[in-house]
N, C-alpha and C. Protein backbone atom coordinates (compact mmCIF):
# COMPACT_ATOMS: atom_id res chain seq x y z
N UNK A 1 -101.12 144.79 -107.09
CA UNK A 1 -100.23 145.30 -108.10
C UNK A 1 -99.57 146.59 -107.62
N UNK A 2 -100.29 147.38 -106.86
CA UNK A 2 -99.77 148.62 -106.32
C UNK A 2 -98.57 148.37 -105.40
N UNK A 3 -98.64 147.26 -104.66
CA UNK A 3 -97.55 146.89 -103.75
C UNK A 3 -96.24 146.69 -104.50
N UNK A 4 -96.31 146.00 -105.65
CA UNK A 4 -95.11 145.71 -106.41
C UNK A 4 -94.49 146.99 -106.99
N UNK A 5 -95.33 147.93 -107.42
CA UNK A 5 -94.80 149.21 -107.92
C UNK A 5 -94.07 149.97 -106.83
N UNK A 6 -94.65 149.95 -105.62
CA UNK A 6 -93.97 150.62 -104.51
C UNK A 6 -92.65 149.95 -104.19
N UNK A 7 -92.67 148.61 -104.18
CA UNK A 7 -91.45 147.87 -103.87
C UNK A 7 -90.38 148.13 -104.92
N UNK A 8 -90.76 148.11 -106.20
CA UNK A 8 -89.80 148.39 -107.27
C UNK A 8 -89.33 149.84 -107.22
N UNK A 9 -90.20 150.74 -106.84
CA UNK A 9 -89.80 152.14 -106.72
C UNK A 9 -88.75 152.32 -105.63
N UNK A 10 -88.94 151.63 -104.51
CA UNK A 10 -87.94 151.69 -103.42
C UNK A 10 -86.63 151.08 -103.89
N UNK A 11 -86.71 149.99 -104.62
CA UNK A 11 -85.49 149.33 -105.13
C UNK A 11 -84.75 150.24 -106.10
N UNK A 12 -85.49 150.89 -107.01
CA UNK A 12 -84.84 151.79 -107.96
C UNK A 12 -84.22 152.99 -107.26
N UNK A 13 -84.90 153.49 -106.25
CA UNK A 13 -84.37 154.64 -105.51
C UNK A 13 -83.08 154.25 -104.79
N UNK A 14 -83.04 153.06 -104.20
CA UNK A 14 -81.82 152.59 -103.53
C UNK A 14 -80.69 152.38 -104.54
N UNK A 15 -81.03 151.89 -105.72
CA UNK A 15 -80.02 151.67 -106.75
C UNK A 15 -79.43 153.00 -107.22
N UNK A 16 -80.28 154.01 -107.39
CA UNK A 16 -79.79 155.33 -107.81
C UNK A 16 -78.90 155.93 -106.73
N UNK A 17 -79.29 155.77 -105.48
CA UNK A 17 -78.48 156.30 -104.38
C UNK A 17 -77.13 155.59 -104.32
N UNK A 18 -77.13 154.28 -104.54
CA UNK A 18 -75.87 153.53 -104.53
C UNK A 18 -74.98 153.95 -105.69
N UNK A 19 -75.57 154.24 -106.84
CA UNK A 19 -74.79 154.67 -107.99
C UNK A 19 -74.14 156.02 -107.70
N UNK A 20 -74.87 156.90 -107.03
CA UNK A 20 -74.30 158.20 -106.67
C UNK A 20 -73.15 158.03 -105.68
N UNK A 21 -73.30 157.12 -104.74
CA UNK A 21 -72.22 156.92 -103.77
C UNK A 21 -71.04 156.21 -104.41
N UNK A 22 -71.26 155.43 -105.47
CA UNK A 22 -70.16 154.77 -106.17
C UNK A 22 -69.30 155.81 -106.88
N UNK A 23 -69.94 156.84 -107.43
CA UNK A 23 -69.18 157.92 -108.07
C UNK A 23 -68.34 158.66 -107.04
N UNK A 24 -68.90 158.86 -105.86
CA UNK A 24 -68.15 159.52 -104.80
C UNK A 24 -66.97 158.65 -104.36
N UNK A 25 -67.17 157.33 -104.31
CA UNK A 25 -66.09 156.43 -103.90
C UNK A 25 -64.96 156.43 -104.93
N UNK A 26 -65.28 156.60 -106.19
CA UNK A 26 -64.25 156.62 -107.23
C UNK A 26 -63.31 157.80 -107.03
N UNK A 27 -63.84 158.90 -106.50
CA UNK A 27 -63.01 160.07 -106.26
C UNK A 27 -62.24 159.97 -104.94
N UNK A 28 -62.62 159.04 -104.08
CA UNK A 28 -62.00 158.92 -102.75
C UNK A 28 -60.63 158.27 -102.83
N UNK A 29 -59.99 158.21 -101.69
CA UNK A 29 -58.67 157.61 -101.57
C UNK A 29 -58.77 156.10 -101.84
N UNK A 30 -57.89 155.55 -102.69
CA UNK A 30 -57.97 154.11 -103.01
C UNK A 30 -57.73 153.22 -101.79
N UNK A 31 -56.92 153.66 -100.86
CA UNK A 31 -56.67 152.86 -99.65
C UNK A 31 -57.95 152.77 -98.82
N UNK A 32 -58.67 153.87 -98.71
CA UNK A 32 -59.92 153.86 -97.96
C UNK A 32 -60.94 152.95 -98.63
N UNK A 33 -60.95 152.94 -99.95
CA UNK A 33 -61.87 152.06 -100.68
C UNK A 33 -61.53 150.61 -100.40
N UNK A 34 -60.24 150.26 -100.41
CA UNK A 34 -59.83 148.89 -100.12
C UNK A 34 -60.19 148.48 -98.70
N UNK A 35 -59.99 149.38 -97.77
CA UNK A 35 -60.31 149.07 -96.37
C UNK A 35 -61.80 148.83 -96.20
N UNK A 36 -62.62 149.69 -96.79
CA UNK A 36 -64.07 149.51 -96.66
C UNK A 36 -64.55 148.28 -97.40
N UNK A 37 -63.81 147.85 -98.42
CA UNK A 37 -64.20 146.65 -99.16
C UNK A 37 -63.87 145.39 -98.37
N UNK A 38 -62.67 145.35 -97.80
CA UNK A 38 -62.22 144.13 -97.13
C UNK A 38 -62.55 144.08 -95.65
N UNK A 39 -62.97 145.16 -95.06
CA UNK A 39 -63.29 145.18 -93.63
C UNK A 39 -64.38 144.17 -93.25
N UNK A 40 -65.46 144.07 -93.99
CA UNK A 40 -66.47 143.06 -93.62
C UNK A 40 -65.93 141.63 -93.68
N UNK A 41 -65.11 141.33 -94.66
CA UNK A 41 -64.54 139.98 -94.76
C UNK A 41 -63.59 139.70 -93.60
N UNK A 42 -62.82 140.68 -93.21
CA UNK A 42 -61.91 140.52 -92.08
C UNK A 42 -62.71 140.32 -90.79
N UNK A 43 -63.77 141.09 -90.61
CA UNK A 43 -64.61 140.93 -89.42
C UNK A 43 -65.27 139.55 -89.37
N UNK A 44 -65.71 139.06 -90.52
CA UNK A 44 -66.31 137.73 -90.56
C UNK A 44 -65.28 136.67 -90.17
N UNK A 45 -64.05 136.80 -90.67
CA UNK A 45 -63.00 135.84 -90.31
C UNK A 45 -62.71 135.88 -88.81
N UNK A 46 -62.66 137.07 -88.23
CA UNK A 46 -62.40 137.19 -86.79
C UNK A 46 -63.53 136.54 -86.00
N UNK A 47 -64.76 136.75 -86.41
CA UNK A 47 -65.89 136.13 -85.71
C UNK A 47 -65.81 134.61 -85.83
N UNK A 48 -65.53 134.09 -87.03
CA UNK A 48 -65.39 132.65 -87.20
C UNK A 48 -64.27 132.09 -86.34
N UNK A 49 -63.17 132.81 -86.25
CA UNK A 49 -62.04 132.33 -85.45
C UNK A 49 -62.45 132.18 -83.99
N UNK A 50 -63.07 133.22 -83.43
CA UNK A 50 -63.41 133.17 -82.01
C UNK A 50 -64.63 132.30 -81.71
N UNK A 51 -65.50 132.08 -82.68
CA UNK A 51 -66.69 131.28 -82.44
C UNK A 51 -66.52 129.81 -82.80
N UNK A 52 -65.65 129.49 -83.78
CA UNK A 52 -65.53 128.12 -84.25
C UNK A 52 -64.13 127.53 -84.10
N UNK A 53 -63.14 128.19 -84.61
CA UNK A 53 -61.80 127.61 -84.69
C UNK A 53 -61.17 127.51 -83.32
N UNK A 54 -61.17 128.57 -82.54
CA UNK A 54 -60.51 128.57 -81.24
C UNK A 54 -61.13 127.58 -80.25
N UNK A 55 -62.46 127.51 -80.11
CA UNK A 55 -63.02 126.51 -79.20
C UNK A 55 -62.71 125.07 -79.63
N UNK A 56 -62.68 124.81 -80.94
CA UNK A 56 -62.38 123.46 -81.41
C UNK A 56 -60.93 123.10 -81.09
N UNK A 57 -60.02 124.03 -81.22
CA UNK A 57 -58.62 123.77 -80.87
C UNK A 57 -58.47 123.47 -79.38
N UNK A 58 -59.21 124.21 -78.54
CA UNK A 58 -59.16 123.95 -77.09
C UNK A 58 -59.69 122.55 -76.79
N UNK A 59 -60.77 122.17 -77.44
CA UNK A 59 -61.35 120.85 -77.21
C UNK A 59 -60.38 119.75 -77.67
N UNK A 60 -59.77 119.93 -78.84
CA UNK A 60 -58.80 118.95 -79.34
C UNK A 60 -57.61 118.82 -78.40
N UNK A 61 -57.18 119.94 -77.83
CA UNK A 61 -56.05 119.92 -76.91
C UNK A 61 -56.40 119.14 -75.64
N UNK A 62 -57.63 119.31 -75.12
CA UNK A 62 -58.05 118.57 -73.93
C UNK A 62 -58.13 117.07 -74.21
N UNK A 63 -58.64 116.70 -75.38
CA UNK A 63 -58.75 115.28 -75.73
C UNK A 63 -57.36 114.67 -75.86
N UNK A 64 -56.44 115.37 -76.50
CA UNK A 64 -55.07 114.86 -76.66
C UNK A 64 -54.41 114.70 -75.29
N UNK A 65 -54.62 115.66 -74.41
CA UNK A 65 -54.06 115.58 -73.07
C UNK A 65 -54.64 114.39 -72.30
N UNK A 66 -55.95 114.16 -72.44
CA UNK A 66 -56.60 113.03 -71.76
C UNK A 66 -56.03 111.71 -72.28
N UNK A 67 -55.83 111.59 -73.60
CA UNK A 67 -55.30 110.36 -74.17
C UNK A 67 -53.84 110.14 -73.78
N UNK A 68 -53.08 111.21 -73.64
CA UNK A 68 -51.68 111.08 -73.22
C UNK A 68 -51.56 110.68 -71.75
N UNK A 69 -52.56 111.01 -70.93
CA UNK A 69 -52.50 110.73 -69.49
C UNK A 69 -53.18 109.42 -69.10
N UNK A 70 -53.54 108.58 -70.07
CA UNK A 70 -54.13 107.29 -69.73
C UNK A 70 -53.13 106.43 -68.98
N UNK A 71 -53.63 105.67 -68.01
CA UNK A 71 -52.75 104.77 -67.26
C UNK A 71 -53.51 103.49 -66.95
N UNK A 72 -52.76 102.45 -66.59
CA UNK A 72 -53.36 101.17 -66.24
C UNK A 72 -54.27 101.37 -65.03
N UNK A 73 -55.39 100.67 -65.02
CA UNK A 73 -56.44 100.69 -63.98
C UNK A 73 -57.39 101.88 -64.10
N UNK A 74 -57.29 102.66 -65.16
CA UNK A 74 -58.28 103.72 -65.40
C UNK A 74 -59.55 103.08 -65.96
N UNK A 75 -60.68 103.54 -65.51
CA UNK A 75 -61.97 103.10 -66.03
C UNK A 75 -62.32 104.06 -67.16
N UNK A 76 -62.55 103.52 -68.38
CA UNK A 76 -62.76 104.36 -69.56
C UNK A 76 -64.03 103.94 -70.28
N UNK A 77 -64.51 104.84 -71.12
CA UNK A 77 -65.62 104.58 -72.02
C UNK A 77 -65.11 104.78 -73.44
N UNK A 78 -65.37 103.82 -74.32
CA UNK A 78 -64.93 103.95 -75.70
C UNK A 78 -65.95 104.76 -76.49
N UNK A 79 -65.59 105.11 -77.72
CA UNK A 79 -66.52 105.87 -78.55
C UNK A 79 -67.71 105.01 -78.97
N UNK A 80 -67.59 103.70 -78.80
CA UNK A 80 -68.70 102.80 -79.10
C UNK A 80 -69.62 102.58 -77.91
N UNK A 81 -69.27 103.19 -76.76
CA UNK A 81 -70.11 103.07 -75.57
C UNK A 81 -69.77 101.89 -74.68
N UNK A 82 -68.62 101.28 -74.88
CA UNK A 82 -68.20 100.13 -74.07
C UNK A 82 -67.38 100.64 -72.90
N UNK A 83 -67.77 100.24 -71.70
CA UNK A 83 -67.03 100.61 -70.49
C UNK A 83 -66.06 99.48 -70.15
N UNK A 84 -64.85 99.85 -69.81
CA UNK A 84 -63.86 98.86 -69.44
C UNK A 84 -62.77 99.47 -68.60
N UNK A 85 -61.89 98.59 -68.11
CA UNK A 85 -60.76 99.01 -67.30
C UNK A 85 -59.48 98.72 -68.06
N UNK A 86 -58.58 99.67 -68.11
CA UNK A 86 -57.33 99.50 -68.85
C UNK A 86 -56.44 98.51 -68.10
N UNK A 87 -55.98 97.48 -68.84
CA UNK A 87 -55.06 96.51 -68.25
C UNK A 87 -53.66 96.63 -68.84
N UNK A 88 -53.56 97.16 -70.05
CA UNK A 88 -52.26 97.30 -70.69
C UNK A 88 -52.33 98.42 -71.71
N UNK A 89 -51.24 99.17 -71.83
CA UNK A 89 -51.16 100.25 -72.81
C UNK A 89 -49.90 100.04 -73.65
N UNK A 90 -50.09 99.99 -74.96
CA UNK A 90 -48.95 99.97 -75.88
C UNK A 90 -48.96 101.30 -76.63
N UNK A 91 -48.20 101.40 -77.68
CA UNK A 91 -48.06 102.67 -78.39
C UNK A 91 -49.41 103.27 -78.76
N UNK A 92 -50.13 102.65 -79.69
CA UNK A 92 -51.40 103.20 -80.17
C UNK A 92 -52.58 102.32 -79.80
N UNK A 93 -52.38 101.31 -78.98
CA UNK A 93 -53.46 100.42 -78.60
C UNK A 93 -53.59 100.35 -77.09
N UNK A 94 -54.81 100.05 -76.66
CA UNK A 94 -55.12 99.94 -75.24
C UNK A 94 -55.87 98.61 -75.06
N UNK A 95 -55.46 97.82 -74.09
CA UNK A 95 -56.16 96.58 -73.78
C UNK A 95 -57.10 96.84 -72.61
N UNK A 96 -58.38 96.50 -72.81
CA UNK A 96 -59.40 96.74 -71.79
C UNK A 96 -59.90 95.42 -71.22
N UNK A 97 -60.23 95.43 -69.96
CA UNK A 97 -60.91 94.33 -69.30
C UNK A 97 -62.38 94.73 -69.24
N UNK A 98 -63.26 93.89 -69.85
CA UNK A 98 -64.66 94.27 -70.03
C UNK A 98 -65.57 93.19 -69.46
N UNK A 99 -66.63 93.60 -68.78
CA UNK A 99 -67.67 92.69 -68.34
C UNK A 99 -67.36 91.96 -67.05
N UNK A 100 -68.31 91.09 -66.65
CA UNK A 100 -68.18 90.33 -65.41
C UNK A 100 -67.08 89.29 -65.48
N UNK A 101 -66.85 88.74 -66.68
CA UNK A 101 -65.84 87.69 -66.82
C UNK A 101 -64.48 88.25 -67.20
N UNK A 102 -64.33 89.56 -67.14
CA UNK A 102 -63.06 90.24 -67.45
C UNK A 102 -62.49 89.82 -68.80
N UNK A 103 -63.33 89.85 -69.81
CA UNK A 103 -62.87 89.57 -71.17
C UNK A 103 -61.96 90.71 -71.61
N UNK A 104 -60.94 90.38 -72.38
CA UNK A 104 -60.02 91.42 -72.84
C UNK A 104 -60.44 91.88 -74.23
N UNK A 105 -60.21 93.16 -74.46
CA UNK A 105 -60.55 93.78 -75.73
C UNK A 105 -59.44 94.77 -76.05
N UNK A 106 -58.97 94.73 -77.27
CA UNK A 106 -57.93 95.66 -77.69
C UNK A 106 -58.59 96.73 -78.56
N UNK A 107 -58.40 97.99 -78.19
CA UNK A 107 -58.96 99.11 -78.94
C UNK A 107 -57.85 100.11 -79.25
N UNK A 108 -58.09 100.92 -80.25
CA UNK A 108 -57.14 101.99 -80.58
C UNK A 108 -57.21 103.06 -79.50
N UNK A 109 -56.09 103.69 -79.25
CA UNK A 109 -56.04 104.74 -78.23
C UNK A 109 -57.01 105.88 -78.55
N UNK A 110 -57.14 106.23 -79.83
CA UNK A 110 -58.04 107.32 -80.21
C UNK A 110 -59.51 106.94 -80.02
N UNK A 111 -59.78 105.63 -79.79
CA UNK A 111 -61.15 105.17 -79.60
C UNK A 111 -61.67 105.36 -78.19
N UNK A 112 -60.86 105.92 -77.31
CA UNK A 112 -61.28 106.20 -75.94
C UNK A 112 -61.97 107.55 -75.92
N UNK A 113 -63.22 107.58 -75.46
CA UNK A 113 -63.97 108.84 -75.39
C UNK A 113 -63.68 109.60 -74.11
N UNK A 114 -63.71 108.88 -72.97
CA UNK A 114 -63.54 109.58 -71.70
C UNK A 114 -63.01 108.63 -70.64
N UNK A 115 -62.43 109.23 -69.63
CA UNK A 115 -61.96 108.50 -68.46
C UNK A 115 -62.99 108.75 -67.36
N UNK A 116 -63.49 107.68 -66.77
CA UNK A 116 -64.50 107.79 -65.73
C UNK A 116 -63.84 108.08 -64.39
N UNK A 117 -64.59 108.65 -63.48
CA UNK A 117 -64.07 109.01 -62.17
C UNK A 117 -63.81 107.80 -61.28
N UNK A 118 -64.56 106.73 -61.48
CA UNK A 118 -64.44 105.53 -60.65
C UNK A 118 -63.29 104.69 -61.19
N UNK A 119 -62.43 104.20 -60.31
CA UNK A 119 -61.37 103.29 -60.72
C UNK A 119 -61.52 101.97 -59.97
N UNK A 120 -60.75 100.98 -60.35
CA UNK A 120 -60.86 99.65 -59.75
C UNK A 120 -60.58 99.69 -58.26
N UNK A 121 -59.60 100.47 -57.84
CA UNK A 121 -59.26 100.52 -56.42
C UNK A 121 -60.39 101.10 -55.59
N UNK A 122 -61.18 102.00 -56.17
CA UNK A 122 -62.23 102.67 -55.41
C UNK A 122 -63.46 101.81 -55.19
N UNK A 123 -63.91 101.11 -56.24
CA UNK A 123 -65.20 100.47 -56.15
C UNK A 123 -65.22 99.19 -56.99
N UNK A 124 -64.44 98.21 -56.64
CA UNK A 124 -64.28 97.01 -57.44
C UNK A 124 -65.57 96.22 -57.57
N UNK A 125 -66.37 96.12 -56.53
CA UNK A 125 -67.59 95.32 -56.60
C UNK A 125 -68.62 95.97 -57.53
N UNK A 126 -68.70 97.27 -57.55
CA UNK A 126 -69.71 97.95 -58.37
C UNK A 126 -69.38 97.91 -59.86
N UNK A 127 -68.10 97.71 -60.21
CA UNK A 127 -67.71 97.72 -61.61
C UNK A 127 -68.09 96.44 -62.32
N UNK A 128 -68.11 95.33 -61.63
CA UNK A 128 -68.38 94.04 -62.30
C UNK A 128 -69.72 93.50 -61.97
């Protein structure tokens, strides 16, 4: 029980000190009060921008660039984990040659996860 009285005493002392500083702030310059009020929110936004928004924009830009640079005979992996070779590219669709029997599969361009380093010209026997 003694612990709680000490804790409440510290809380009351902090509250009284804050009340005294609030009276001092009322006498201060209103612009300074606004700056001290909004400064933490501005700092949080800046941190979020550099930690979350900016890296995501860079990643999105790289993905868009990769999708724009697709060409026939590129070895790709879809978002479903299917590996294939591009045989035809239309506006928003890509035709892939998949498997040993070179079955064709049409997927959306946005469904391509990555372009693999190996292409058909480099290692044709290893791909099938």
